[in-house]
Amino acid sequence: MRERRRFNRFNLQGRVQLQLGGKLFEFPAADISVSGVSVMLDVAVLGAKPTGEVGICTIESPDLACPVEAYVSVMRIRRVGHQHLVGLRFESISDEQLQVIHAYETLIRARAEKSSTTVPKHS
C-alpha cells in the first residue's frame, strides 16, 4: 500500500478536546503532524458519518510546550478493532501553534537519535 501522507506523524500521549456539532468530546490522542491529529474512539461516539464536519480541537500533552488549538475537519475514519482511528485535519492553525508541533517533532527525533546511538554497556 502506497503511503499518501505528506508529513510525518509522531505518536502523542495526551488528550484532544473536540467541539463538533454543538457537542464537546474528549479523546486520547494517537498521533500528530503539522497537518493534523488522530484520535482513537469507540465506534458509536460521533454518530453517523461525521466526515467533512468542521470543529475546534484543543490538544493537550505533557510533551507539548502548551496546548494547541485549531479549527479542524474530520477527514478519515478507519476501524481498528472495536475502535475507530479518526483523522482530524488542521483547517486553520496559527504559526505559533505550528511552532509548538515542530518543537515536539524535533524533540521526538532527538530522542530517537539518542536511543539509536546509545550502546549498552557490558560488565
PDB file of N, CA and C in Angstrom:
ATOM      1  N   MET A   1       0.838  -1.184   0.000  1.00  0.00           N
ATOM      2  CA  MET A   1       0.000   0.000   0.000  1.00  0.00           C
ATOM      3  C   MET A   1       0.882   1.246   0.000  1.00  0.00           C
ATOM      4  N   ARG A   2       0.604   2.169  -0.880  1.00  0.00           N
ATOM      5  CA  ARG A   2       1.393   3.391  -1.026  1.00  0.00           C
ATOM      6  C   ARG A   2       1.065   4.373   0.095  1.00  0.00           C
ATOM      7  N   GLU A   3       2.104   4.943   0.697  1.00  0.00           N
ATOM      8  CA  GLU A   3       1.922   5.945   1.756  1.00  0.00           C
ATOM      9  C   GLU A   3       1.512   7.261   1.111  1.00  0.00           C
ATOM     10  N   ARG A   4       0.374   7.811   1.530  1.00  0.00           N
ATOM     11  CA  ARG A   4      -0.140   9.046   0.940  1.00  0.00           C
ATOM     12  C   ARG A   4       0.170  10.277   1.785  1.00  0.00           C
ATOM     13  N   ARG A   5       0.698  10.085   2.959  1.00  0.00           N
ATOM     14  CA  ARG A   5       0.954  11.226   3.850  1.00  0.00           C
ATOM     15  C   ARG A   5       2.100  12.094   3.322  1.00  0.00           C
ATOM     16  N   ARG A   6       1.914  13.398   3.438  1.00  0.00           N
ATOM     17  CA  ARG A   6       2.971  14.326   3.049  1.00  0.00           C
ATOM     18  C   ARG A   6       3.825  14.727   4.240  1.00  0.00           C
ATOM     19  N   PHE A   7       3.313  14.513   5.454  1.00  0.00           N
ATOM     20  CA  PHE A   7       4.028  14.914   6.661  1.00  0.00           C
ATOM     21  C   PHE A   7       4.152  13.725   7.601  1.00  0.00           C
ATOM     22  N   ASN A   8       5.295  13.629   8.269  1.00  0.00           N
ATOM     23  CA  ASN A   8       5.500  12.544   9.229  1.00  0.00           C
ATOM     24  C   ASN A   8       4.573  12.713  10.415  1.00  0.00           C
ATOM     25  N   ARG A   9       4.061  11.589  10.902  1.00  0.00           N
ATOM     26  CA  ARG A   9       3.226  11.578  12.101  1.00  0.00           C
ATOM     27  C   ARG A   9       4.054  11.029  13.244  1.00  0.00           C
ATOM     28  N   PHE A  10       3.794  11.567  14.435  1.00  0.00           N
ATOM     29  CA  PHE A  10       4.512  11.148  15.628  1.00  0.00           C
ATOM     30  C   PHE A  10       3.508  10.780  16.699  1.00  0.00           C
ATOM     31  N   ASN A  11       3.738   9.631  17.355  1.00  0.00           N
ATOM     32  CA  ASN A  11       2.854   9.228  18.453  1.00  0.00           C
ATOM     33  C   ASN A  11       2.797  10.341  19.484  1.00  0.00           C
ATOM     34  N   LEU A  12       1.642  10.499  20.103  1.00  0.00           N
ATOM     35  CA  LEU A  12       1.459  11.558  21.089  1.00  0.00           C
ATOM     36  C   LEU A  12       0.629  11.033  22.246  1.00  0.00           C
ATOM     37  N   GLN A  13       1.168  11.154  23.442  1.00  0.00           N
ATOM     38  CA  GLN A  13       0.422  10.829  24.654  1.00  0.00           C
ATOM     39  C   GLN A  13      -0.264  12.110  25.105  1.00  0.00           C
ATOM     40  N   GLY A  14      -1.552  12.074  25.208  1.00  0.00           N
ATOM     41  CA  GLY A  14      -2.282  13.268  25.626  1.00  0.00           C
ATOM     42  C   GLY A  14      -3.749  13.098  25.332  1.00  0.00           C
ATOM     43  N   ARG A  15      -4.445  14.229  25.298  1.00  0.00           N
ATOM     44  CA  ARG A  15      -5.879  14.179  25.037  1.00  0.00           C
ATOM     45  C   ARG A  15      -6.259  15.290  24.071  1.00  0.00           C
ATOM     46  N   VAL A  16      -7.360  15.042  23.379  1.00  0.00           N
ATOM     47  CA  VAL A  16      -7.871  16.008  22.412  1.00  0.00           C
ATOM     48  C   VAL A  16      -9.317  16.304  22.779  1.00  0.00           C
ATOM     49  N   GLN A  17      -9.608  17.577  23.007  1.00  0.00           N
ATOM     50  CA  GLN A  17     -10.993  18.006  23.190  1.00  0.00           C
ATOM     51  C   GLN A  17     -11.477  18.496  21.838  1.00  0.00           C
ATOM     52  N   LEU A  18     -12.656  18.025  21.442  1.00  0.00           N
ATOM     53  CA  LEU A  18     -13.198  18.362  20.134  1.00  0.00           C
ATOM     54  C   LEU A  18     -14.604  18.909  20.294  1.00  0.00           C
ATOM     55  N   GLN A  19     -14.807  20.145  19.813  1.00  0.00           N
ATOM     56  CA  GLN A  19     -16.143  20.736  19.756  1.00  0.00           C
ATOM     57  C   GLN A  19     -16.643  20.516  18.328  1.00  0.00           C
ATOM     58  N   LEU A  20     -17.703  19.708  18.217  1.00  0.00           N
ATOM     59  CA  LEU A  20     -18.207  19.328  16.904  1.00  0.00           C
ATOM     60  C   LEU A  20     -19.710  19.183  16.972  1.00  0.00           C
ATOM     61  N   GLY A  21     -20.421  19.851  16.077  1.00  0.00           N
ATOM     62  CA  GLY A  21     -21.874  19.726  16.025  1.00  0.00           C
ATOM     63  C   GLY A  21     -22.569  20.135  17.311  1.00  0.00           C
ATOM     64  N   GLY A  22     -22.038  21.158  17.982  1.00  0.00           N
ATOM     65  CA  GLY A  22     -22.656  21.641  19.216  1.00  0.00           C
ATOM     66  C   GLY A  22     -22.374  20.779  20.436  1.00  0.00           C
ATOM     67  N   LYS A  23     -21.526  19.769  20.291  1.00  0.00           N
ATOM     68  CA  LYS A  23     -21.176  18.888  21.413  1.00  0.00           C
ATOM     69  C   LYS A  23     -19.688  18.974  21.690  1.00  0.00           C
ATOM     70  N   LEU A  24     -19.309  18.633  22.928  1.00  0.00           N
ATOM     71  CA  LEU A  24     -17.902  18.611  23.321  1.00  0.00           C
ATOM     72  C   LEU A  24     -17.506  17.170  23.612  1.00  0.00           C
ATOM     73  N   PHE A  25     -16.449  16.713  22.956  1.00  0.00           N
ATOM     74  CA  PHE A  25     -15.936  15.358  23.138  1.00  0.00           C
ATOM     75  C   PHE A  25     -14.506  15.444  23.663  1.00  0.00           C
ATOM     76  N   GLU A  26     -14.066  14.377  24.313  1.00  0.00           N
ATOM     77  CA  GLU A  26     -12.672  14.271  24.722  1.00  0.00           C
ATOM     78  C   GLU A  26     -12.184  12.872  24.394  1.00  0.00           C
ATOM     79  N   PHE A  27     -11.025  12.807  23.712  1.00  0.00           N
ATOM     80  CA  PHE A  27     -10.481  11.531  23.260  1.00  0.00           C
ATOM     81  C   PHE A  27      -8.992  11.461  23.584  1.00  0.00           C
ATOM     82  N   PRO A  28      -8.453  10.245  23.701  1.00  0.00           N
ATOM     83  CA  PRO A  28      -6.998  10.119  23.783  1.00  0.00           C
ATOM     84  C   PRO A  28      -6.384  10.416  22.413  1.00  0.00           C
ATOM     85  N   ALA A  29      -5.276  11.124  22.412  1.00  0.00           N
ATOM     86  CA  ALA A  29      -4.562  11.406  21.166  1.00  0.00           C
ATOM     87  C   ALA A  29      -3.843  10.147  20.712  1.00  0.00           C
ATOM     88  N   ALA A  30      -3.745   9.954  19.415  1.00  0.00           N
ATOM     89  CA  ALA A  30      -3.000   8.820  18.862  1.00  0.00           C
ATOM     90  C   ALA A  30      -1.678   9.302  18.260  1.00  0.00           C
ATOM     91  N   ASP A  31      -1.761  10.303  17.386  1.00  0.00           N
ATOM     92  CA  ASP A  31      -0.554  10.850  16.771  1.00  0.00           C
ATOM     93  C   ASP A  31      -0.830  12.265  16.285  1.00  0.00           C
ATOM     94  N   ILE A  32       0.258  12.941  15.901  1.00  0.00           N
ATOM     95  CA  ILE A  32       0.152  14.338  15.472  1.00  0.00           C
ATOM     96  C   ILE A  32       1.160  14.601  14.364  1.00  0.00           C
ATOM     97  N   SER A  33       0.836  15.542  13.494  1.00  0.00           N
ATOM     98  CA  SER A  33       1.764  16.059  12.487  1.00  0.00           C
ATOM     99  C   SER A  33       1.413  17.531  12.290  1.00  0.00           C
ATOM    100  N   VAL A  34       2.147  18.205  11.416  1.00  0.00           N
ATOM    101  CA  VAL A  34       1.838  19.609  11.167  1.00  0.00           C
ATOM    102  C   VAL A  34       0.546  19.773  10.379  1.00  0.00           C
ATOM    103  N   SER A  35       0.010  18.671   9.845  1.00  0.00           N
ATOM    104  CA  SER A  35      -1.227  18.774   9.085  1.00  0.00           C
ATOM    105  C   SER A  35      -2.462  18.337   9.862  1.00  0.00           C
ATOM    106  N   GLY A  36      -2.276  17.676  11.029  1.00  0.00           N
ATOM    107  CA  GLY A  36      -3.445  17.247  11.781  1.00  0.00           C
ATOM    108  C   GLY A  36      -3.114  16.347  12.952  1.00  0.00           C
ATOM    109  N   VAL A  37      -4.163  15.832  13.566  1.00  0.00           N
ATOM    110  CA  VAL A  37      -4.039  14.963  14.726  1.00  0.00           C
ATOM    111  C   VAL A  37      -5.023  13.807  14.552  1.00  0.00           C
ATOM    112  N   SER A  38      -4.670  12.645  15.082  1.00  0.00           N
ATOM    113  CA  SER A  38      -5.571  11.493  15.042  1.00  0.00           C
ATOM    114  C   SER A  38      -5.964  11.132  16.462  1.00  0.00           C
ATOM    115  N   VAL A  39      -7.204  10.660  16.606  1.00  0.00           N
ATOM    116  CA  VAL A  39      -7.716  10.243  17.909  1.00  0.00           C
ATOM    117  C   VAL A  39      -8.323   8.853  17.792  1.00  0.00           C
ATOM    118  N   MET A  40      -8.316   8.127  18.913  1.00  0.00           N
ATOM    119  CA  MET A  40      -8.969   6.817  18.976  1.00  0.00           C
ATOM    120  C   MET A  40     -10.277   6.994  19.726  1.00  0.00           C
ATOM    121  N   LEU A  41     -11.347   6.387  19.197  1.00  0.00           N
ATOM    122  CA  LEU A  41     -12.627   6.493  19.879  1.00  0.00           C
ATOM    123  C   LEU A  41     -13.472   5.261  19.632  1.00  0.00           C
ATOM    124  N   ASP A  42     -14.451   5.049  20.514  1.00  0.00           N
ATOM    125  CA  ASP A  42     -15.376   3.939  20.340  1.00  0.00           C
ATOM    126  C   ASP A  42     -16.245   4.193  19.125  1.00  0.00           C
ATOM    127  N   VAL A  43     -16.714   3.131  18.530  1.00  0.00           N
ATOM    128  CA  VAL A  43     -17.425   3.175  17.263  1.00  0.00           C
ATOM    129  C   VAL A  43     -18.589   4.171  17.237  1.00  0.00           C
ATOM    130  N   ALA A  44     -19.425   4.198  18.248  1.00  0.00           N
ATOM    131  CA  ALA A  44     -20.666   4.983  18.194  1.00  0.00           C
ATOM    132  C   ALA A  44     -20.547   6.404  18.742  1.00  0.00           C
ATOM    133  N   VAL A  45     -19.374   6.841  19.132  1.00  0.00           N
ATOM    134  CA  VAL A  45     -19.248   8.116  19.836  1.00  0.00           C
ATOM    135  C   VAL A  45     -19.685   9.318  19.008  1.00  0.00           C
ATOM    136  N   LEU A  46     -19.226   9.431  17.776  1.00  0.00           N
ATOM    137  CA  LEU A  46     -19.537  10.615  16.970  1.00  0.00           C
ATOM    138  C   LEU A  46     -20.859  10.520  16.229  1.00  0.00           C
ATOM    139  N   GLY A  47     -21.464   9.370  16.212  1.00  0.00           N
ATOM    140  CA  GLY A  47     -22.729   9.241  15.492  1.00  0.00           C
ATOM    141  C   GLY A  47     -22.499   8.950  14.021  1.00  0.00           C
ATOM    142  N   ALA A  48     -23.483   9.239  13.212  1.00  0.00           N
ATOM    143  CA  ALA A  48     -23.470   8.862  11.797  1.00  0.00           C
ATOM    144  C   ALA A  48     -22.516   9.722  10.978  1.00  0.00           C
ATOM    145  N   LYS A  49     -21.580   9.096  10.338  1.00  0.00           N
ATOM    146  CA  LYS A  49     -20.696   9.654   9.315  1.00  0.00           C
ATOM    147  C   LYS A  49     -20.360  11.142   9.453  1.00  0.00           C
ATOM    148  N   PRO A  50     -19.474  11.491  10.398  1.00  0.00           N
ATOM    149  CA  PRO A  50     -19.128  12.906  10.574  1.00  0.00           C
ATOM    150  C   PRO A  50     -18.061  13.417   9.609  1.00  0.00           C
ATOM    151  N   THR A  51     -17.614  12.591   8.658  1.00  0.00           N
ATOM    152  CA  THR A  51     -16.563  13.006   7.736  1.00  0.00           C
ATOM    153  C   THR A  51     -16.946  14.320   7.058  1.00  0.00           C
ATOM    154  N   GLY A  52     -16.013  15.268   7.084  1.00  0.00           N
ATOM    155  CA  GLY A  52     -16.239  16.569   6.480  1.00  0.00           C
ATOM    156  C   GLY A  52     -16.719  17.623   7.453  1.00  0.00           C
ATOM    157  N   GLU A  53     -17.223  17.208   8.608  1.00  0.00           N
ATOM    158  CA  GLU A  53     -17.674  18.192   9.600  1.00  0.00           C
ATOM    159  C   GLU A  53     -16.483  18.985  10.117  1.00  0.00           C
ATOM    160  N   VAL A  54     -16.740  20.227  10.499  1.00  0.00           N
ATOM    161  CA  VAL A  54     -15.694  21.124  10.978  1.00  0.00           C
ATOM    162  C   VAL A  54     -15.954  21.461  12.439  1.00  0.00           C
ATOM    163  N   GLY A  55     -14.871  21.526  13.216  1.00  0.00           N
ATOM    164  CA  GLY A  55     -14.995  21.858  14.626  1.00  0.00           C
ATOM    165  C   GLY A  55     -13.706  22.490  15.139  1.00  0.00           C
ATOM    166  N   ILE A  56     -13.637  22.640  16.433  1.00  0.00           N
ATOM    167  CA  ILE A  56     -12.457  23.209  17.091  1.00  0.00           C
ATOM    168  C   ILE A  56     -11.865  22.136  17.986  1.00  0.00           C
ATOM    169  N   CYS A  57     -10.557  21.946  17.904  1.00  0.00           N
ATOM    170  CA  CYS A  57      -9.934  20.978  18.800  1.00  0.00           C
ATOM    171  C   CYS A  57      -8.848  21.654  19.615  1.00  0.00           C
ATOM    172  N   THR A  58      -8.684  21.147  20.830  1.00  0.00           N
ATOM    173  CA  THR A  58      -7.602  21.563  21.713  1.00  0.00           C
ATOM    174  C   THR A  58      -6.822  20.314  22.073  1.00  0.00           C
ATOM    175  N   ILE A  59      -5.521  20.326  21.796  1.00  0.00           N
ATOM    176  CA  ILE A  59      -4.651  19.180  22.036  1.00  0.00           C
ATOM    177  C   ILE A  59      -3.789  19.490  23.247  1.00  0.00           C
ATOM    178  N   GLU A  60      -3.836  18.606  24.237  1.00  0.00           N
ATOM    179  CA  GLU A  60      -3.035  18.784  25.450  1.00  0.00           C
ATOM    180  C   GLU A  60      -2.167  17.558  25.651  1.00  0.00           C
ATOM    181  N   SER A  61      -0.896  17.788  25.952  1.00  0.00           N
ATOM    182  CA  SER A  61       0.046  16.708  26.209  1.00  0.00           C
ATOM    183  C   SER A  61       1.185  17.257  27.057  1.00  0.00           C
ATOM    184  N   PRO A  62       1.712  16.431  27.979  1.00  0.00           N
ATOM    185  CA  PRO A  62       2.870  16.894  28.745  1.00  0.00           C
ATOM    186  C   PRO A  62       4.100  17.106  27.861  1.00  0.00           C
ATOM    187  N   ASP A  63       4.104  16.525  26.649  1.00  0.00           N
ATOM    188  CA  ASP A  63       5.239  16.688  25.741  1.00  0.00           C
ATOM    189  C   ASP A  63       5.159  17.943  24.882  1.00  0.00           C
ATOM    190  N   LEU A  64       3.993  18.602  24.861  1.00  0.00           N
ATOM    191  CA  LEU A  64       3.845  19.850  24.115  1.00  0.00           C
ATOM    192  C   LEU A  64       4.125  21.022  25.047  1.00  0.00           C
ATOM    193  N   ALA A  65       4.754  22.050  24.533  1.00  0.00           N
ATOM    194  CA  ALA A  65       5.095  23.216  25.350  1.00  0.00           C
ATOM    195  C   ALA A  65       3.852  23.897  25.912  1.00  0.00           C
ATOM    196  N   CYS A  66       2.750  23.835  25.183  1.00  0.00           N
ATOM    197  CA  CYS A  66       1.482  24.407  25.616  1.00  0.00           C
ATOM    198  C   CYS A  66       0.367  23.736  24.811  1.00  0.00           C
ATOM    199  N   PRO A  67      -0.887  23.896  25.231  1.00  0.00           N
ATOM    200  CA  PRO A  67      -1.975  23.319  24.436  1.00  0.00           C
ATOM    201  C   PRO A  67      -2.007  23.918  23.033  1.00  0.00           C
ATOM    202  N   VAL A  68      -2.421  23.109  22.075  1.00  0.00           N
ATOM    203  CA  VAL A  68      -2.546  23.545  20.685  1.00  0.00           C
ATOM    204  C   VAL A  68      -4.025  23.581  20.347  1.00  0.00           C
ATOM    205  N   GLU A  69      -4.470  24.712  19.791  1.00  0.00           N
ATOM    206  CA  GLU A  69      -5.875  24.848  19.400  1.00  0.00           C
ATOM    207  C   GLU A  69      -5.942  25.142  17.910  1.00  0.00           C
ATOM    208  N   ALA A  70      -6.892  24.489  17.234  1.00  0.00           N
ATOM    209  CA  ALA A  70      -7.027  24.678  15.784  1.00  0.00           C
ATOM    210  C   ALA A  70      -8.447  24.353  15.344  1.00  0.00           C
ATOM    211  N   TYR A  71      -8.840  24.948  14.223  1.00  0.00           N
ATOM    212  CA  TYR A  71     -10.062  24.526  13.549  1.00  0.00           C
ATOM    213  C   TYR A  71      -9.693  23.285  12.744  1.00  0.00           C
ATOM    214  N   VAL A  72     -10.522  22.263  12.819  1.00  0.00           N
ATOM    215  CA  VAL A  72     -10.225  21.001  12.148  1.00  0.00           C
ATOM    216  C   VAL A  72     -11.433  20.505  11.369  1.00  0.00           C
ATOM    217  N   SER A  73     -11.170  19.629  10.410  1.00  0.00           N
ATOM    218  CA  SER A  73     -12.255  18.904   9.742  1.00  0.00           C
ATOM    219  C   SER A  73     -11.988  17.417   9.930  1.00  0.00           C
ATOM    220  N   VAL A  74     -13.067  16.660  10.033  1.00  0.00           N
ATOM    221  CA  VAL A  74     -12.958  15.212  10.172  1.00  0.00           C
ATOM    222  C   VAL A  74     -12.641  14.666   8.783  1.00  0.00           C
ATOM    223  N   MET A  75     -11.471  14.039   8.645  1.00  0.00           N
ATOM    224  CA  MET A  75     -11.008  13.610   7.321  1.00  0.00           C
ATOM    225  C   MET A  75     -11.263  12.151   7.029  1.00  0.00           C
ATOM    226  N   ARG A  76     -10.801  11.299   7.891  1.00  0.00           N
ATOM    227  CA  ARG A  76     -10.939   9.870   7.601  1.00  0.00           C
ATOM    228  C   ARG A  76     -11.243   9.128   8.880  1.00  0.00           C
ATOM    229  N   ILE A  77     -11.970   8.059   8.726  1.00  0.00           N
ATOM    230  CA  ILE A  77     -12.312   7.207   9.858  1.00  0.00           C
ATOM    231  C   ILE A  77     -11.947   5.786   9.460  1.00  0.00           C
ATOM    232  N   ARG A  78     -11.081   5.172  10.243  1.00  0.00           N
ATOM    233  CA  ARG A  78     -10.635   3.808   9.942  1.00  0.00           C
ATOM    234  C   ARG A  78     -10.871   2.927  11.156  1.00  0.00           C
ATOM    235  N   ARG A  79     -11.473   1.797  10.938  1.00  0.00           N
ATOM    236  CA  ARG A  79     -11.768   0.866  12.029  1.00  0.00           C
ATOM    237  C   ARG A  79     -10.482   0.156  12.455  1.00  0.00           C
ATOM    238  N   VAL A  80     -10.245   0.134  13.769  1.00  0.00           N
ATOM    239  CA  VAL A  80      -9.105  -0.562  14.352  1.00  0.00           C
ATOM    240  C   VAL A  80      -9.661  -1.386  15.502  1.00  0.00           C
ATOM    241  N   GLY A  81      -9.953  -2.648  15.264  1.00  0.00           N
ATOM    242  CA  GLY A  81     -10.577  -3.491  16.278  1.00  0.00           C
ATOM    243  C   GLY A  81     -11.975  -2.981  16.592  1.00  0.00           C
ATOM    244  N   HIS A  82     -12.246  -2.749  17.873  1.00  0.00           N
ATOM    245  CA  HIS A  82     -13.558  -2.249  18.292  1.00  0.00           C
ATOM    246  C   HIS A  82     -13.586  -0.719  18.365  1.00  0.00           C
ATOM    247  N   GLN A  83     -12.540  -0.083  17.882  1.00  0.00           N
ATOM    248  CA  GLN A  83     -12.474   1.372  17.922  1.00  0.00           C
ATOM    249  C   GLN A  83     -12.254   1.925  16.515  1.00  0.00           C
ATOM    250  N   HIS A  84     -12.346   3.252  16.423  1.00  0.00           N
ATOM    251  CA  HIS A  84     -12.046   3.942  15.170  1.00  0.00           C
ATOM    252  C   HIS A  84     -10.870   4.877  15.385  1.00  0.00           C
ATOM    253  N   LEU A  85     -10.012   4.949  14.383  1.00  0.00           N
ATOM    254  CA  LEU A  85      -8.955   5.940  14.341  1.00  0.00           C
ATOM    255  C   LEU A  85      -9.478   7.050  13.445  1.00  0.00           C
ATOM    256  N   VAL A  86      -9.643   8.241  14.013  1.00  0.00           N
ATOM    257  CA  VAL A  86     -10.237   9.364  13.282  1.00  0.00           C
ATOM    258  C   VAL A  86      -9.173  10.421  13.043  1.00  0.00           C
ATOM    259  N   GLY A  87      -8.995  10.780  11.780  1.00  0.00           N
ATOM    260  CA  GLY A  87      -8.042  11.814  11.404  1.00  0.00           C
ATOM    261  C   GLY A  87      -8.718  13.172  11.358  1.00  0.00           C
ATOM    262  N   LEU A  88      -8.140  14.122  12.079  1.00  0.00           N
ATOM    263  CA  LEU A  88      -8.636  15.497  12.097  1.00  0.00           C
ATOM    264  C   LEU A  88      -7.597  16.376  11.401  1.00  0.00           C
ATOM    265  N   ARG A  89      -7.965  16.983  10.282  1.00  0.00           N
ATOM    266  CA  ARG A  89      -7.033  17.837   9.543  1.00  0.00           C
ATOM    267  C   ARG A  89      -7.147  19.277  10.018  1.00  0.00           C
ATOM    268  N   PHE A  90      -6.001  19.912  10.231  1.00  0.00           N
ATOM    269  CA  PHE A  90      -5.993  21.314  10.610  1.00  0.00           C
ATOM    270  C   PHE A  90      -6.451  22.146   9.412  1.00  0.00           C
ATOM    271  N   GLU A  91      -7.529  22.884   9.590  1.00  0.00           N
ATOM    272  CA  GLU A  91      -8.024  23.784   8.550  1.00  0.00           C
ATOM    273  C   GLU A  91      -7.523  25.196   8.775  1.00  0.00           C
ATOM    274  N   SER A  92      -7.371  25.564  10.055  1.00  0.00           N
ATOM    275  CA  SER A  92      -6.869  26.888  10.417  1.00  0.00           C
ATOM    276  C   SER A  92      -6.107  26.750  11.727  1.00  0.00           C
ATOM    277  N   ILE A  93      -4.823  27.092  11.672  1.00  0.00           N
ATOM    278  CA  ILE A  93      -3.968  26.993  12.848  1.00  0.00           C
ATOM    279  C   ILE A  93      -2.938  28.112  12.760  1.00  0.00           C
ATOM    280  N   SER A  94      -2.628  28.727  13.892  1.00  0.00           N
ATOM    281  CA  SER A  94      -1.694  29.861  13.876  1.00  0.00           C
ATOM    282  C   SER A  94      -0.250  29.376  13.712  1.00  0.00           C
ATOM    283  N   ASP A  95       0.600  30.280  13.270  1.00  0.00           N
ATOM    284  CA  ASP A  95       2.023  29.963  13.126  1.00  0.00           C
ATOM    285  C   ASP A  95       2.626  29.574  14.473  1.00  0.00           C
ATOM    286  N   GLU A  96       2.180  30.230  15.544  1.00  0.00           N
ATOM    287  CA  GLU A  96       2.689  29.918  16.882  1.00  0.00           C
ATOM    288  C   GLU A  96       2.325  28.491  17.286  1.00  0.00           C
ATOM    289  N   GLN A  97       1.104  28.075  16.965  1.00  0.00           N
ATOM    290  CA  GLN A  97       0.673  26.715  17.283  1.00  0.00           C
ATOM    291  C   GLN A  97       1.456  25.688  16.452  1.00  0.00           C
ATOM    292  N   LEU A  98       1.727  26.006  15.193  1.00  0.00           N
ATOM    293  CA  LEU A  98       2.543  25.119  14.361  1.00  0.00           C
ATOM    294  C   LEU A  98       3.958  24.986  14.913  1.00  0.00           C
ATOM    295  N   GLN A  99       4.485  26.072  15.475  1.00  0.00           N
ATOM    296  CA  GLN A  99       5.819  26.023  16.073  1.00  0.00           C
ATOM    297  C   GLN A  99       5.857  25.059  17.249  1.00  0.00           C
ATOM    298  N   VAL A 100       4.777  24.982  18.030  1.00  0.00           N
ATOM    299  CA  VAL A 100       4.696  24.038  19.147  1.00  0.00           C
ATOM    300  C   VAL A 100       4.794  22.605  18.616  1.00  0.00           C
ATOM    301  N   ILE A 101       4.111  22.330  17.507  1.00  0.00           N
ATOM    302  CA  ILE A 101       4.151  20.990  16.908  1.00  0.00           C
ATOM    303  C   ILE A 101       5.538  20.698  16.340  1.00  0.00           C
ATOM    304  N   HIS A 102       6.145  21.669  15.661  1.00  0.00           N
ATOM    305  CA  HIS A 102       7.506  21.493  15.134  1.00  0.00           C
ATOM    306  C   HIS A 102       8.490  21.210  16.268  1.00  0.00           C
ATOM    307  N   ALA A 103       8.344  21.907  17.388  1.00  0.00           N
ATOM    308  CA  ALA A 103       9.233  21.681  18.537  1.00  0.00           C
ATOM    309  C   ALA A 103       9.072  20.255  19.062  1.00  0.00           C
ATOM    310  N   TYR A 104       7.849  19.754  19.081  1.00  0.00           N
ATOM    311  CA  TYR A 104       7.599  18.380  19.520  1.00  0.00           C
ATOM    312  C   TYR A 104       8.265  17.386  18.556  1.00  0.00           C
ATOM    313  N   GLU A 105       8.138  17.614  17.262  1.00  0.00           N
ATOM    314  CA  GLU A 105       8.775  16.738  16.275  1.00  0.00           C
ATOM    315  C   GLU A 105      10.289  16.718  16.466  1.00  0.00           C
ATOM    316  N   THR A 106      10.868  17.882  16.709  1.00  0.00           N
ATOM    317  CA  THR A 106      12.310  17.970  16.947  1.00  0.00           C
ATOM    318  C   THR A 106      12.698  17.174  18.186  1.00  0.00           C
ATOM    319  N   LEU A 107      11.915  17.285  19.250  1.00  0.00           N
ATOM    320  CA  LEU A 107      12.157  16.544  20.490  1.00  0.00           C
ATOM    321  C   LEU A 107      12.116  15.038  20.238  1.00  0.00           C
ATOM    322  N   ILE A 108      11.101  14.567  19.525  1.00  0.00           N
ATOM    323  CA  ILE A 108      10.947  13.134  19.247  1.00  0.00           C
ATOM    324  C   ILE A 108      12.106  12.627  18.393  1.00  0.00           C
ATOM    325  N   ARG A 109      12.492  13.393  17.388  1.00  0.00           N
ATOM    326  CA  ARG A 109      13.620  12.976  16.536  1.00  0.00           C
ATOM    327  C   ARG A 109      14.917  12.917  17.338  1.00  0.00           C
ATOM    328  N   ALA A 110      15.120  13.877  18.236  1.00  0.00           N
ATOM    329  CA  ALA A 110      16.324  13.878  19.071  1.00  0.00           C
ATOM    330  C   ALA A 110      16.332  12.668  20.009  1.00  0.00           C
ATOM    331  N   ARG A 111      15.166  12.350  20.585  1.00  0.00           N
ATOM    332  CA  ARG A 111      15.077  11.167  21.453  1.00  0.00           C
ATOM    333  C   ARG A 111      15.392   9.897  20.672  1.00  0.00           C
ATOM    334  N   ALA A 112      14.848   9.783  19.464  1.00  0.00           N
ATOM    335  CA  ALA A 112      15.075   8.592  18.635  1.00  0.00           C
ATOM    336  C   ALA A 112      16.545   8.480  18.249  1.00  0.00           C
ATOM    337  N   GLU A 113      17.139   9.607  17.899  1.00  0.00           N
ATOM    338  CA  GLU A 113      18.549   9.613  17.524  1.00  0.00           C
ATOM    339  C   GLU A 113      19.422   9.227  18.709  1.00  0.00           C
ATOM    340  N   LYS A 114      19.093   9.740  19.879  1.00  0.00           N
ATOM    341  CA  LYS A 114      19.856   9.438  21.091  1.00  0.00           C
ATOM    342  C   LYS A 114      19.753   7.957  21.437  1.00  0.00           C
ATOM    343  N   SER A 115      18.549   7.398  21.348  1.00  0.00           N
ATOM    344  CA  SER A 115      18.374   5.989  21.699  1.00  0.00           C
ATOM    345  C   SER A 115      19.043   5.057  20.680  1.00  0.00           C
ATOM    346  N   SER A 116      19.149   5.485  19.422  1.00  0.00           N
ATOM    347  CA  SER A 116      19.796   4.638  18.420  1.00  0.00           C
ATOM    348  C   SER A 116      21.310   4.711  18.505  1.00  0.00           C
ATOM    349  N   THR A 117      21.844   5.773  19.101  1.00  0.00           N
ATOM    350  CA  THR A 117      23.295   5.893  19.228  1.00  0.00           C
ATOM    351  C   THR A 117      23.790   5.408  20.578  1.00  0.00           C
ATOM    352  N   THR A 118      22.885   5.130  21.497  1.00  0.00           N
ATOM    353  CA  THR A 118      23.292   4.656  22.811  1.00  0.00           C
ATOM    354  C   THR A 118      23.649   3.171  22.712  1.00  0.00           C
ATOM    355  N   VAL A 119      24.866   2.862  23.107  1.00  0.00           N
ATOM    356  CA  VAL A 119      25.325   1.477  23.062  1.00  0.00           C
ATOM    357  C   VAL A 119      25.286   0.909  24.475  1.00  0.00           C
ATOM    358  N   PRO A 120      24.653  -0.254  24.667  1.00  0.00           N
ATOM    359  CA  PRO A 120      24.587  -0.835  26.021  1.00  0.00           C
ATOM    360  C   PRO A 120      25.978  -1.168  26.550  1.00  0.00           C
ATOM    361  N   LYS A 121      26.179  -0.910  27.829  1.00  0.00           N
ATOM    362  CA  LYS A 121      27.463  -1.220  28.475  1.00  0.00           C
ATOM    363  C   LYS A 121      27.419  -2.638  29.001  1.00  0.00           C
ATOM    364  N   HIS A 122      28.524  -3.354  28.803  1.00  0.00           N
ATOM    365  CA  HIS A 122      28.637  -4.726  29.310  1.00  0.00           C
ATOM    366  C   HIS A 122      29.596  -4.735  30.482  1.00  0.00           C
ATOM    367  N   SER A 123      29.270  -5.465  31.545  1.00  0.00           N
ATOM    368  CA  SER A 123      30.151  -5.525  32.717  1.00  0.00           C
ATOM    369  C   SER A 123      31.139  -6.634  32.580  1.00  0.00           C
TER     370      SER A 123
END
